[in-house]
Amino acid sequence: MIYLALSAVFLVVACAVALTALLRVGTVRVRQLVRTWWVPMVITGIALLVLTAVFDNIMIALGFMVYSDSHVTGLSIGLAPLEDFSYPVAGLILLPALWLLCGRRPSNGSHG
């Protein structure tokens, strides 16, 4: 279960950064972002999960990656342990949050 704990750390950090970013931009801006970003986020999430499933299975089948049964939960998609899918999800949460945190703040009420 070592990979599960590592995955949890990545997800918790990503969610904490996302929460910080959303609190920083304010409620009205969050509503605008949800309306604007939800479709691209869903499409990107599906693409990332499909690509992770395909390429992780290929790399595991070819022996590039080997997982000890004692370090994974045992749940998998094909050969890929479920924990492997937490990293693209964390990235999907983290990157837009960093975009918000590092982006230019509107100074005159315009969207930035």
PDB file of N, CA and C in Angstrom:
ATOM      1  N   MET A   1       0.811  -1.211   0.000  1.00  0.00           N
ATOM      2  CA  MET A   1       0.000   0.000   0.000  1.00  0.00           C
ATOM      3  C   MET A   1       0.852   1.272   0.000  1.00  0.00           C
ATOM      4  N   ILE A   2       2.138   1.135  -0.245  1.00  0.00           N
ATOM      5  CA  ILE A   2       3.020   2.293  -0.286  1.00  0.00           C
ATOM      6  C   ILE A   2       2.616   3.237  -1.411  1.00  0.00           C
ATOM      7  N   TYR A   3       2.243   2.693  -2.579  1.00  0.00           N
ATOM      8  CA  TYR A   3       1.861   3.542  -3.713  1.00  0.00           C
ATOM      9  C   TYR A   3       0.565   4.297  -3.434  1.00  0.00           C
ATOM     10  N   LEU A   4      -0.333   3.693  -2.667  1.00  0.00           N
ATOM     11  CA  LEU A   4      -1.576   4.361  -2.298  1.00  0.00           C
ATOM     12  C   LEU A   4      -1.285   5.582  -1.424  1.00  0.00           C
ATOM     13  N   ALA A   5      -0.377   5.433  -0.460  1.00  0.00           N
ATOM     14  CA  ALA A   5      -0.011   6.561   0.404  1.00  0.00           C
ATOM     15  C   ALA A   5       0.659   7.670  -0.406  1.00  0.00           C
ATOM     16  N   LEU A   6       1.535   7.303  -1.317  1.00  0.00           N
ATOM     17  CA  LEU A   6       2.195   8.288  -2.167  1.00  0.00           C
ATOM     18  C   LEU A   6       1.174   8.999  -3.054  1.00  0.00           C
ATOM     19  N   SER A   7       0.241   8.250  -3.598  1.00  0.00           N
ATOM     20  CA  SER A   7      -0.818   8.840  -4.422  1.00  0.00           C
ATOM     21  C   SER A   7      -1.661   9.813  -3.614  1.00  0.00           C
ATOM     22  N   ALA A   8      -1.962   9.437  -2.386  1.00  0.00           N
ATOM     23  CA  ALA A   8      -2.765  10.304  -1.519  1.00  0.00           C
ATOM     24  C   ALA A   8      -2.049  11.624  -1.258  1.00  0.00           C
ATOM     25  N   VAL A   9      -0.748  11.582  -1.072  1.00  0.00           N
ATOM     26  CA  VAL A   9       0.024  12.812  -0.845  1.00  0.00           C
ATOM     27  C   VAL A   9      -0.101  13.733  -2.052  1.00  0.00           C
ATOM     28  N   PHE A  10       0.080  13.192  -3.253  1.00  0.00           N
ATOM     29  CA  PHE A  10      -0.046  14.004  -4.470  1.00  0.00           C
ATOM     30  C   PHE A  10      -1.440  14.615  -4.592  1.00  0.00           C
ATOM     31  N   LEU A  11      -2.471  13.821  -4.320  1.00  0.00           N
ATOM     32  CA  LEU A  11      -3.839  14.315  -4.445  1.00  0.00           C
ATOM     33  C   LEU A  11      -4.164  15.365  -3.390  1.00  0.00           C
ATOM     34  N   VAL A  12      -3.697  15.162  -2.158  1.00  0.00           N
ATOM     35  CA  VAL A  12      -3.954  16.126  -1.095  1.00  0.00           C
ATOM     36  C   VAL A  12      -3.262  17.459  -1.404  1.00  0.00           C
ATOM     37  N   VAL A  13      -2.027  17.408  -1.863  1.00  0.00           N
ATOM     38  CA  VAL A  13      -1.310  18.640  -2.215  1.00  0.00           C
ATOM     39  C   VAL A  13      -2.025  19.355  -3.361  1.00  0.00           C
ATOM     40  N   ALA A  14      -2.416  18.614  -4.392  1.00  0.00           N
ATOM     41  CA  ALA A  14      -3.115  19.223  -5.525  1.00  0.00           C
ATOM     42  C   ALA A  14      -4.427  19.860  -5.081  1.00  0.00           C
ATOM     43  N   CYS A  15      -5.177  19.175  -4.243  1.00  0.00           N
ATOM     44  CA  CYS A  15      -6.451  19.720  -3.768  1.00  0.00           C
ATOM     45  C   CYS A  15      -6.238  20.941  -2.875  1.00  0.00           C
ATOM     46  N   ALA A  16      -5.186  20.931  -2.067  1.00  0.00           N
ATOM     47  CA  ALA A  16      -4.898  22.083  -1.211  1.00  0.00           C
ATOM     48  C   ALA A  16      -4.534  23.306  -2.049  1.00  0.00           C
ATOM     49  N   VAL A  17      -3.729  23.108  -3.073  1.00  0.00           N
ATOM     50  CA  VAL A  17      -3.376  24.223  -3.954  1.00  0.00           C
ATOM     51  C   VAL A  17      -4.615  24.728  -4.690  1.00  0.00           C
ATOM     52  N   ALA A  18      -5.462  23.805  -5.160  1.00  0.00           N
ATOM     53  CA  ALA A  18      -6.691  24.193  -5.857  1.00  0.00           C
ATOM     54  C   ALA A  18      -7.623  24.975  -4.931  1.00  0.00           C
ATOM     55  N   LEU A  19      -7.766  24.523  -3.718  1.00  0.00           N
ATOM     56  CA  LEU A  19      -8.622  25.229  -2.771  1.00  0.00           C
ATOM     57  C   LEU A  19      -8.079  26.623  -2.485  1.00  0.00           C
ATOM     58  N   THR A  20      -6.775  26.729  -2.312  1.00  0.00           N
ATOM     59  CA  THR A  20      -6.144  28.024  -2.104  1.00  0.00           C
ATOM     60  C   THR A  20      -6.405  28.955  -3.287  1.00  0.00           C
ATOM     61  N   ALA A  21      -6.255  28.435  -4.485  1.00  0.00           N
ATOM     62  CA  ALA A  21      -6.474  29.247  -5.683  1.00  0.00           C
ATOM     63  C   ALA A  21      -7.926  29.691  -5.780  1.00  0.00           C
ATOM     64  N   LEU A  22      -8.857  28.787  -5.522  1.00  0.00           N
ATOM     65  CA  LEU A  22     -10.272  29.137  -5.618  1.00  0.00           C
ATOM     66  C   LEU A  22     -10.679  30.149  -4.553  1.00  0.00           C
ATOM     67  N   LEU A  23     -10.147  30.023  -3.353  1.00  0.00           N
ATOM     68  CA  LEU A  23     -10.444  30.998  -2.301  1.00  0.00           C
ATOM     69  C   LEU A  23      -9.866  32.367  -2.647  1.00  0.00           C
ATOM     70  N   ARG A  24      -8.741  32.356  -3.312  1.00  0.00           N
ATOM     71  CA  ARG A  24      -8.073  33.615  -3.668  1.00  0.00           C
ATOM     72  C   ARG A  24      -8.842  34.401  -4.732  1.00  0.00           C
ATOM     73  N   VAL A  25      -9.462  33.699  -5.677  1.00  0.00           N
ATOM     74  CA  VAL A  25     -10.117  34.409  -6.778  1.00  0.00           C
ATOM     75  C   VAL A  25     -11.518  34.888  -6.439  1.00  0.00           C
ATOM     76  N   GLY A  26     -12.137  34.340  -5.415  1.00  0.00           N
ATOM     77  CA  GLY A  26     -13.457  34.807  -5.001  1.00  0.00           C
ATOM     78  C   GLY A  26     -14.595  34.012  -5.623  1.00  0.00           C
ATOM     79  N   THR A  27     -15.744  34.106  -4.986  1.00  0.00           N
ATOM     80  CA  THR A  27     -16.906  33.302  -5.344  1.00  0.00           C
ATOM     81  C   THR A  27     -17.422  33.585  -6.749  1.00  0.00           C
ATOM     82  N   VAL A  28     -17.538  34.837  -7.115  1.00  0.00           N
ATOM     83  CA  VAL A  28     -18.059  35.183  -8.440  1.00  0.00           C
ATOM     84  C   VAL A  28     -17.144  34.640  -9.525  1.00  0.00           C
ATOM     85  N   ARG A  29     -15.862  34.826  -9.363  1.00  0.00           N
ATOM     86  CA  ARG A  29     -14.883  34.337 -10.351  1.00  0.00           C
ATOM     87  C   ARG A  29     -14.894  32.810 -10.411  1.00  0.00           C
ATOM     88  N   VAL A  30     -15.096  32.141  -9.273  1.00  0.00           N
ATOM     89  CA  VAL A  30     -15.151  30.680  -9.268  1.00  0.00           C
ATOM     90  C   VAL A  30     -16.314  30.208 -10.128  1.00  0.00           C
ATOM     91  N   ARG A  31     -17.461  30.846 -10.000  1.00  0.00           N
ATOM     92  CA  ARG A  31     -18.615  30.471 -10.827  1.00  0.00           C
ATOM     93  C   ARG A  31     -18.301  30.639 -12.309  1.00  0.00           C
ATOM     94  N   GLN A  32     -17.637  31.727 -12.656  1.00  0.00           N
ATOM     95  CA  GLN A  32     -17.256  31.956 -14.054  1.00  0.00           C
ATOM     96  C   GLN A  32     -16.284  30.885 -14.538  1.00  0.00           C
ATOM     97  N   LEU A  33     -15.327  30.539 -13.680  1.00  0.00           N
ATOM     98  CA  LEU A  33     -14.337  29.532 -14.049  1.00  0.00           C
ATOM     99  C   LEU A  33     -14.983  28.171 -14.239  1.00  0.00           C
ATOM    100  N   VAL A  34     -15.910  27.822 -13.370  1.00  0.00           N
ATOM    101  CA  VAL A  34     -16.585  26.535 -13.494  1.00  0.00           C
ATOM    102  C   VAL A  34     -17.345  26.473 -14.816  1.00  0.00           C
ATOM    103  N   ARG A  35     -18.060  27.546 -15.152  1.00  0.00           N
ATOM    104  CA  ARG A  35     -18.800  27.571 -16.429  1.00  0.00           C
ATOM    105  C   ARG A  35     -17.855  27.485 -17.619  1.00  0.00           C
ATOM    106  N   THR A  36     -16.701  28.105 -17.529  1.00  0.00           N
ATOM    107  CA  THR A  36     -15.761  28.159 -18.645  1.00  0.00           C
ATOM    108  C   THR A  36     -14.895  26.904 -18.745  1.00  0.00           C
ATOM    109  N   TRP A  37     -14.475  26.361 -17.620  1.00  0.00           N
ATOM    110  CA  TRP A  37     -13.462  25.312 -17.606  1.00  0.00           C
ATOM    111  C   TRP A  37     -13.991  23.903 -17.491  1.00  0.00           C
ATOM    112  N   TRP A  38     -15.244  23.680 -17.159  1.00  0.00           N
ATOM    113  CA  TRP A  38     -15.647  22.309 -16.859  1.00  0.00           C
ATOM    114  C   TRP A  38     -15.566  21.395 -18.075  1.00  0.00           C
ATOM    115  N   VAL A  39     -15.941  21.866 -19.257  1.00  0.00           N
ATOM    116  CA  VAL A  39     -15.871  21.006 -20.450  1.00  0.00           C
ATOM    117  C   VAL A  39     -14.419  20.676 -20.810  1.00  0.00           C
ATOM    118  N   PRO A  40     -13.520  21.672 -20.897  1.00  0.00           N
ATOM    119  CA  PRO A  40     -12.123  21.320 -21.189  1.00  0.00           C
ATOM    120  C   PRO A  40     -11.505  20.412 -20.124  1.00  0.00           C
ATOM    121  N   MET A  41     -11.891  20.612 -18.875  1.00  0.00           N
ATOM    122  CA  MET A  41     -11.355  19.762 -17.800  1.00  0.00           C
ATOM    123  C   MET A  41     -11.829  18.313 -17.955  1.00  0.00           C
ATOM    124  N   VAL A  42     -13.090  18.121 -18.271  1.00  0.00           N
ATOM    125  CA  VAL A  42     -13.621  16.763 -18.446  1.00  0.00           C
ATOM    126  C   VAL A  42     -12.961  16.083 -19.643  1.00  0.00           C
ATOM    127  N   ILE A  43     -12.861  16.804 -20.753  1.00  0.00           N
ATOM    128  CA  ILE A  43     -12.227  16.234 -21.950  1.00  0.00           C
ATOM    129  C   ILE A  43     -10.767  15.883 -21.669  1.00  0.00           C
ATOM    130  N   THR A  44     -10.064  16.789 -21.024  1.00  0.00           N
ATOM    131  CA  THR A  44      -8.656  16.544 -20.680  1.00  0.00           C
ATOM    132  C   THR A  44      -8.526  15.371 -19.717  1.00  0.00           C
ATOM    133  N   GLY A  45      -9.407  15.313 -18.724  1.00  0.00           N
ATOM    134  CA  GLY A  45      -9.371  14.210 -17.764  1.00  0.00           C
ATOM    135  C   GLY A  45      -9.581  12.864 -18.429  1.00  0.00           C
ATOM    136  N   ILE A  46     -10.551  12.788 -19.324  1.00  0.00           N
ATOM    137  CA  ILE A  46     -10.797  11.531 -20.036  1.00  0.00           C
ATOM    138  C   ILE A  46      -9.583  11.153 -20.879  1.00  0.00           C
ATOM    139  N   ALA A  47      -9.035  12.125 -21.595  1.00  0.00           N
ATOM    140  CA  ALA A  47      -7.853  11.854 -22.425  1.00  0.00           C
ATOM    141  C   ALA A  47      -6.678  11.380 -21.576  1.00  0.00           C
ATOM    142  N   LEU A  48      -6.437  12.043 -20.453  1.00  0.00           N
ATOM    143  CA  LEU A  48      -5.325  11.644 -19.578  1.00  0.00           C
ATOM    144  C   LEU A  48      -5.510  10.243 -19.021  1.00  0.00           C
ATOM    145  N   LEU A  49      -6.722   9.916 -18.604  1.00  0.00           N
ATOM    146  CA  LEU A  49      -6.969   8.587 -18.036  1.00  0.00           C
ATOM    147  C   LEU A  49      -6.853   7.500 -19.100  1.00  0.00           C
ATOM    148  N   VAL A  50      -7.354   7.761 -20.300  1.00  0.00           N
ATOM    149  CA  VAL A  50      -7.234   6.771 -21.381  1.00  0.00           C
ATOM    150  C   VAL A  50      -5.766   6.575 -21.758  1.00  0.00           C
ATOM    151  N   LEU A  51      -5.036   7.677 -21.921  1.00  0.00           N
ATOM    152  CA  LEU A  51      -3.617   7.566 -22.261  1.00  0.00           C
ATOM    153  C   LEU A  51      -2.824   6.872 -21.154  1.00  0.00           C
ATOM    154  N   THR A  52      -3.158   7.165 -19.909  1.00  0.00           N
ATOM    155  CA  THR A  52      -2.486   6.491 -18.789  1.00  0.00           C
ATOM    156  C   THR A  52      -2.768   4.997 -18.832  1.00  0.00           C
ATOM    157  N   ALA A  53      -4.019   4.629 -19.071  1.00  0.00           N
ATOM    158  CA  ALA A  53      -4.373   3.205 -19.131  1.00  0.00           C
ATOM    159  C   ALA A  53      -3.615   2.511 -20.259  1.00  0.00           C
ATOM    160  N   VAL A  54      -3.599   3.116 -21.419  1.00  0.00           N
ATOM    161  CA  VAL A  54      -2.942   2.485 -22.571  1.00  0.00           C
ATOM    162  C   VAL A  54      -1.439   2.361 -22.339  1.00  0.00           C
ATOM    163  N   PHE A  55      -0.789   3.475 -22.051  1.00  0.00           N
ATOM    164  CA  PHE A  55       0.671   3.447 -21.990  1.00  0.00           C
ATOM    165  C   PHE A  55       1.207   2.779 -20.725  1.00  0.00           C
ATOM    166  N   ASP A  56       0.521   2.875 -19.612  1.00  0.00           N
ATOM    167  CA  ASP A  56       0.965   2.142 -18.422  1.00  0.00           C
ATOM    168  C   ASP A  56       0.878   0.638 -18.666  1.00  0.00           C
ATOM    169  N   ASN A  57      -0.208   0.203 -19.292  1.00  0.00           N
ATOM    170  CA  ASN A  57      -0.339  -1.224 -19.589  1.00  0.00           C
ATOM    171  C   ASN A  57       0.754  -1.699 -20.532  1.00  0.00           C
ATOM    172  N   ILE A  58       1.074  -0.892 -21.536  1.00  0.00           N
ATOM    173  CA  ILE A  58       2.152  -1.267 -22.458  1.00  0.00           C
ATOM    174  C   ILE A  58       3.483  -1.351 -21.722  1.00  0.00           C
ATOM    175  N   MET A  59       3.796  -0.335 -20.904  1.00  0.00           N
ATOM    176  CA  MET A  59       5.091  -0.328 -20.197  1.00  0.00           C
ATOM    177  C   MET A  59       5.197  -1.469 -19.197  1.00  0.00           C
ATOM    178  N   ILE A  60       4.086  -1.787 -18.528  1.00  0.00           N
ATOM    179  CA  ILE A  60       4.113  -2.897 -17.572  1.00  0.00           C
ATOM    180  C   ILE A  60       4.256  -4.219 -18.315  1.00  0.00           C
ATOM    181  N   ALA A  61       3.534  -4.378 -19.426  1.00  0.00           N
ATOM    182  CA  ALA A  61       3.616  -5.614 -20.217  1.00  0.00           C
ATOM    183  C   ALA A  61       5.022  -5.835 -20.768  1.00  0.00           C
ATOM    184  N   LEU A  62       5.709  -4.757 -21.123  1.00  0.00           N
ATOM    185  CA  LEU A  62       7.071  -4.869 -21.656  1.00  0.00           C
ATOM    186  C   LEU A  62       8.124  -4.992 -20.558  1.00  0.00           C
ATOM    187  N   GLY A  63       7.703  -4.866 -19.308  1.00  0.00           N
ATOM    188  CA  GLY A  63       8.632  -5.028 -18.193  1.00  0.00           C
ATOM    189  C   GLY A  63       9.383  -3.775 -17.808  1.00  0.00           C
ATOM    190  N   PHE A  64       8.977  -2.612 -18.344  1.00  0.00           N
ATOM    191  CA  PHE A  64       9.644  -1.359 -17.974  1.00  0.00           C
ATOM    192  C   PHE A  64       9.333  -0.969 -16.534  1.00  0.00           C
ATOM    193  N   MET A  65       8.164  -1.345 -16.067  1.00  0.00           N
ATOM    194  CA  MET A  65       7.756  -1.071 -14.683  1.00  0.00           C
ATOM    195  C   MET A  65       7.285  -2.373 -14.059  1.00  0.00           C
ATOM    196  N   VAL A  66       7.687  -2.572 -12.814  1.00  0.00           N
ATOM    197  CA  VAL A  66       7.268  -3.765 -12.081  1.00  0.00           C
ATOM    198  C   VAL A  66       6.793  -3.308 -10.709  1.00  0.00           C
ATOM    199  N   TYR A  67       5.632  -3.795 -10.299  1.00  0.00           N
ATOM    200  CA  TYR A  67       5.063  -3.422  -9.009  1.00  0.00           C
ATOM    201  C   TYR A  67       5.046  -4.636  -8.099  1.00  0.00           C
ATOM    202  N   SER A  68       5.478  -4.443  -6.880  1.00  0.00           N
ATOM    203  CA  SER A  68       5.393  -5.496  -5.878  1.00  0.00           C
ATOM    204  C   SER A  68       3.949  -5.589  -5.396  1.00  0.00           C
ATOM    205  N   ASP A  69       3.424  -6.799  -5.333  1.00  0.00           N
ATOM    206  CA  ASP A  69       2.039  -6.978  -4.901  1.00  0.00           C
ATOM    207  C   ASP A  69       1.786  -6.431  -3.498  1.00  0.00           C
ATOM    208  N   SER A  70       2.804  -6.394  -2.670  1.00  0.00           N
ATOM    209  CA  SER A  70       2.629  -5.913  -1.301  1.00  0.00           C
ATOM    210  C   SER A  70       2.563  -4.386  -1.228  1.00  0.00           C
ATOM    211  N   HIS A  71       2.906  -3.704  -2.326  1.00  0.00           N
ATOM    212  CA  HIS A  71       2.917  -2.239  -2.319  1.00  0.00           C
ATOM    213  C   HIS A  71       1.742  -1.606  -3.050  1.00  0.00           C
ATOM    214  N   VAL A  72       0.866  -2.399  -3.634  1.00  0.00           N
ATOM    215  CA  VAL A  72      -0.298  -1.885  -4.351  1.00  0.00           C
ATOM    216  C   VAL A  72      -1.570  -2.444  -3.730  1.00  0.00           C
ATOM    217  N   THR A  73      -2.695  -1.790  -4.034  1.00  0.00           N
ATOM    218  CA  THR A  73      -3.973  -2.223  -3.452  1.00  0.00           C
ATOM    219  C   THR A  73      -4.492  -3.509  -4.074  1.00  0.00           C
ATOM    220  N   GLY A  74      -4.053  -3.823  -5.265  1.00  0.00           N
ATOM    221  CA  GLY A  74      -4.558  -4.997  -5.961  1.00  0.00           C
ATOM    222  C   GLY A  74      -5.630  -4.650  -6.978  1.00  0.00           C
ATOM    223  N   LEU A  75      -6.167  -3.444  -6.899  1.00  0.00           N
ATOM    224  CA  LEU A  75      -7.135  -2.986  -7.896  1.00  0.00           C
ATOM    225  C   LEU A  75      -6.368  -2.473  -9.094  1.00  0.00           C
ATOM    226  N   SER A  76      -6.818  -2.861 -10.285  1.00  0.00           N
ATOM    227  CA  SER A  76      -6.083  -2.435 -11.471  1.00  0.00           C
ATOM    228  C   SER A  76      -7.007  -2.281 -12.662  1.00  0.00           C
ATOM    229  N   ILE A  77      -6.502  -1.576 -13.646  1.00  0.00           N
ATOM    230  CA  ILE A  77      -7.159  -1.470 -14.946  1.00  0.00           C
ATOM    231  C   ILE A  77      -6.186  -2.129 -15.906  1.00  0.00           C
ATOM    232  N   GLY A  78      -6.520  -3.317 -16.322  1.00  0.00           N
ATOM    233  CA  GLY A  78      -5.565  -4.130 -17.070  1.00  0.00           C
ATOM    234  C   GLY A  78      -4.430  -4.504 -16.141  1.00  0.00           C
ATOM    235  N   LEU A  79      -3.220  -4.196 -16.540  1.00  0.00           N
ATOM    236  CA  LEU A  79      -2.048  -4.459 -15.707  1.00  0.00           C
ATOM    237  C   LEU A  79      -1.691  -3.279 -14.811  1.00  0.00           C
ATOM    238  N   ALA A  80      -2.256  -2.115 -15.088  1.00  0.00           N
ATOM    239  CA  ALA A  80      -1.890  -0.887 -14.375  1.00  0.00           C
ATOM    240  C   ALA A  80      -2.622  -0.791 -13.043  1.00  0.00           C
ATOM    241  N   PRO A  81      -1.875  -0.654 -11.957  1.00  0.00           N
ATOM    242  CA  PRO A  81      -2.534  -0.488 -10.664  1.00  0.00           C
ATOM    243  C   PRO A  81      -3.325   0.821 -10.618  1.00  0.00           C
ATOM    244  N   LEU A  82      -4.410   0.801  -9.900  1.00  0.00           N
ATOM    245  CA  LEU A  82      -5.293   1.964  -9.817  1.00  0.00           C
ATOM    246  C   LEU A  82      -4.556   3.205  -9.310  1.00  0.00           C
ATOM    247  N   GLU A  83      -3.550   2.995  -8.478  1.00  0.00           N
ATOM    248  CA  GLU A  83      -2.782   4.116  -7.933  1.00  0.00           C
ATOM    249  C   GLU A  83      -2.110   4.943  -9.026  1.00  0.00           C
ATOM    250  N   ASP A  84      -1.761   4.323 -10.140  1.00  0.00           N
ATOM    251  CA  ASP A  84      -1.115   5.047 -11.233  1.00  0.00           C
ATOM    252  C   ASP A  84      -1.999   6.141 -11.812  1.00  0.00           C
ATOM    253  N   PHE A  85      -3.287   6.016 -11.642  1.00  0.00           N
ATOM    254  CA  PHE A  85      -4.206   6.980 -12.215  1.00  0.00           C
ATOM    255  C   PHE A  85      -4.354   8.236 -11.351  1.00  0.00           C
ATOM    256  N   SER A  86      -3.819   8.199 -10.152  1.00  0.00           N
ATOM    257  CA  SER A  86      -3.920   9.376  -9.281  1.00  0.00           C
ATOM    258  C   SER A  86      -3.002  10.507  -9.750  1.00  0.00           C
ATOM    259  N   TYR A  87      -1.912  10.176 -10.415  1.00  0.00           N
ATOM    260  CA  TYR A  87      -0.975  11.212 -10.844  1.00  0.00           C
ATOM    261  C   TYR A  87      -1.553  12.093 -11.944  1.00  0.00           C
ATOM    262  N   PRO A  88      -2.174  11.537 -12.978  1.00  0.00           N
ATOM    263  CA  PRO A  88      -2.803  12.433 -13.951  1.00  0.00           C
ATOM    264  C   PRO A  88      -3.969  13.219 -13.358  1.00  0.00           C
ATOM    265  N   VAL A  89      -4.691  12.616 -12.430  1.00  0.00           N
ATOM    266  CA  VAL A  89      -5.788  13.348 -11.778  1.00  0.00           C
ATOM    267  C   VAL A  89      -5.227  14.501 -10.956  1.00  0.00           C
ATOM    268  N   ALA A  90      -4.141  14.251 -10.234  1.00  0.00           N
ATOM    269  CA  ALA A  90      -3.503  15.321  -9.458  1.00  0.00           C
ATOM    270  C   ALA A  90      -3.029  16.440 -10.387  1.00  0.00           C
ATOM    271  N   GLY A  91      -2.465  16.080 -11.522  1.00  0.00           N
ATOM    272  CA  GLY A  91      -2.035  17.086 -12.488  1.00  0.00           C
ATOM    273  C   GLY A  91      -3.207  17.873 -13.045  1.00  0.00           C
ATOM    274  N   LEU A  92      -4.304  17.190 -13.278  1.00  0.00           N
ATOM    275  CA  LEU A  92      -5.505  17.845 -13.793  1.00  0.00           C
ATOM    276  C   LEU A  92      -6.057  18.852 -12.788  1.00  0.00           C
ATOM    277  N   ILE A  93      -5.898  18.568 -11.517  1.00  0.00           N
ATOM    278  CA  ILE A  93      -6.343  19.492 -10.465  1.00  0.00           C
ATOM    279  C   ILE A  93      -5.310  20.603 -10.262  1.00  0.00           C
ATOM    280  N   LEU A  94      -4.044  20.226 -10.253  1.00  0.00           N
ATOM    281  CA  LEU A  94      -2.975  21.150  -9.882  1.00  0.00           C
ATOM    282  C   LEU A  94      -2.679  22.215 -10.946  1.00  0.00           C
ATOM    283  N   LEU A  95      -2.619  21.836 -12.193  1.00  0.00           N
ATOM    284  CA  LEU A  95      -2.207  22.794 -13.224  1.00  0.00           C
ATOM    285  C   LEU A  95      -3.162  23.976 -13.380  1.00  0.00           C
ATOM    286  N   PRO A  96      -4.468  23.771 -13.446  1.00  0.00           N
ATOM    287  CA  PRO A  96      -5.344  24.949 -13.491  1.00  0.00           C
ATOM    288  C   PRO A  96      -5.255  25.802 -12.220  1.00  0.00           C
ATOM    289  N   ALA A  97      -5.048  25.141 -11.083  1.00  0.00           N
ATOM    290  CA  ALA A  97      -4.911  25.891  -9.831  1.00  0.00           C
ATOM    291  C   ALA A  97      -3.665  26.765  -9.863  1.00  0.00           C
ATOM    292  N   LEU A  98      -2.568  26.223 -10.365  1.00  0.00           N
ATOM    293  CA  LEU A  98      -1.349  27.026 -10.486  1.00  0.00           C
ATOM    294  C   LEU A  98      -1.538  28.151 -11.496  1.00  0.00           C
ATOM    295  N   TRP A  99      -2.293  27.894 -12.552  1.00  0.00           N
ATOM    296  CA  TRP A  99      -2.609  28.932 -13.543  1.00  0.00           C
ATOM    297  C   TRP A  99      -3.317  30.095 -12.857  1.00  0.00           C
ATOM    298  N   LEU A 100      -4.269  29.765 -11.984  1.00  0.00           N
ATOM    299  CA  LEU A 100      -4.985  30.815 -11.252  1.00  0.00           C
ATOM    300  C   LEU A 100      -4.070  31.557 -10.288  1.00  0.00           C
ATOM    301  N   LEU A 101      -3.247  30.817  -9.567  1.00  0.00           N
ATOM    302  CA  LEU A 101      -2.374  31.445  -8.575  1.00  0.00           C
ATOM    303  C   LEU A 101      -1.294  32.318  -9.211  1.00  0.00           C
ATOM    304  N   CYS A 102      -0.787  31.913 -10.352  1.00  0.00           N
ATOM    305  CA  CYS A 102       0.299  32.650 -10.985  1.00  0.00           C
ATOM    306  C   CYS A 102      -0.174  33.658 -12.014  1.00  0.00           C
ATOM    307  N   GLY A 103      -1.444  33.623 -12.328  1.00  0.00           N
ATOM    308  CA  GLY A 103      -1.962  34.500 -13.372  1.00  0.00           C
ATOM    309  C   GLY A 103      -2.065  35.942 -12.916  1.00  0.00           C
ATOM    310  N   ARG A 104      -2.224  36.795 -13.908  1.00  0.00           N
ATOM    311  CA  ARG A 104      -2.372  38.229 -13.648  1.00  0.00           C
ATOM    312  C   ARG A 104      -3.732  38.464 -13.033  1.00  0.00           C
ATOM    313  N   ARG A 105      -3.764  39.244 -11.982  1.00  0.00           N
ATOM    314  CA  ARG A 105      -5.007  39.595 -11.313  1.00  0.00           C
ATOM    315  C   ARG A 105      -5.647  40.795 -12.030  1.00  0.00           C
ATOM    316  N   PRO A 106      -6.942  40.746 -12.305  1.00  0.00           N
ATOM    317  CA  PRO A 106      -7.588  41.895 -12.937  1.00  0.00           C
ATOM    318  C   PRO A 106      -7.547  43.109 -12.017  1.00  0.00           C
ATOM    319  N   SER A 107      -7.204  44.258 -12.580  1.00  0.00           N
ATOM    320  CA  SER A 107      -7.087  45.468 -11.748  1.00  0.00           C
ATOM    321  C   SER A 107      -8.282  46.389 -11.892  1.00  0.00           C
ATOM    322  N   ASN A 108      -9.000  46.321 -13.008  1.00  0.00           N
ATOM    323  CA  ASN A 108     -10.105  47.247 -13.221  1.00  0.00           C
ATOM    324  C   ASN A 108     -11.440  46.531 -13.431  1.00  0.00           C
ATOM    325  N   GLY A 109     -11.566  45.337 -12.900  1.00  0.00           N
ATOM    326  CA  GLY A 109     -12.801  44.592 -13.033  1.00  0.00           C
ATOM    327  C   GLY A 109     -12.880  43.756 -14.289  1.00  0.00           C
ATOM    328  N   SER A 110     -11.868  43.847 -15.167  1.00  0.00           N
ATOM    329  CA  SER A 110     -11.878  43.027 -16.372  1.00  0.00           C
ATOM    330  C   SER A 110     -11.389  41.631 -16.030  1.00  0.00           C
ATOM    331  N   HIS A 111     -11.687  40.704 -16.909  1.00  0.00           N
ATOM    332  CA  HIS A 111     -11.264  39.329 -16.672  1.00  0.00           C
ATOM    333  C   HIS A 111      -9.855  39.153 -17.217  1.00  0.00           C
ATOM    334  N   GLY A 112      -9.034  38.418 -16.429  1.00  0.00           N
ATOM    335  CA  GLY A 112      -7.679  38.358 -16.865  1.00  0.00           C
ATOM    336  C   GLY A 112      -7.130  37.054 -17.049  1.00  0.00           C
TER     337      GLY A 112
END
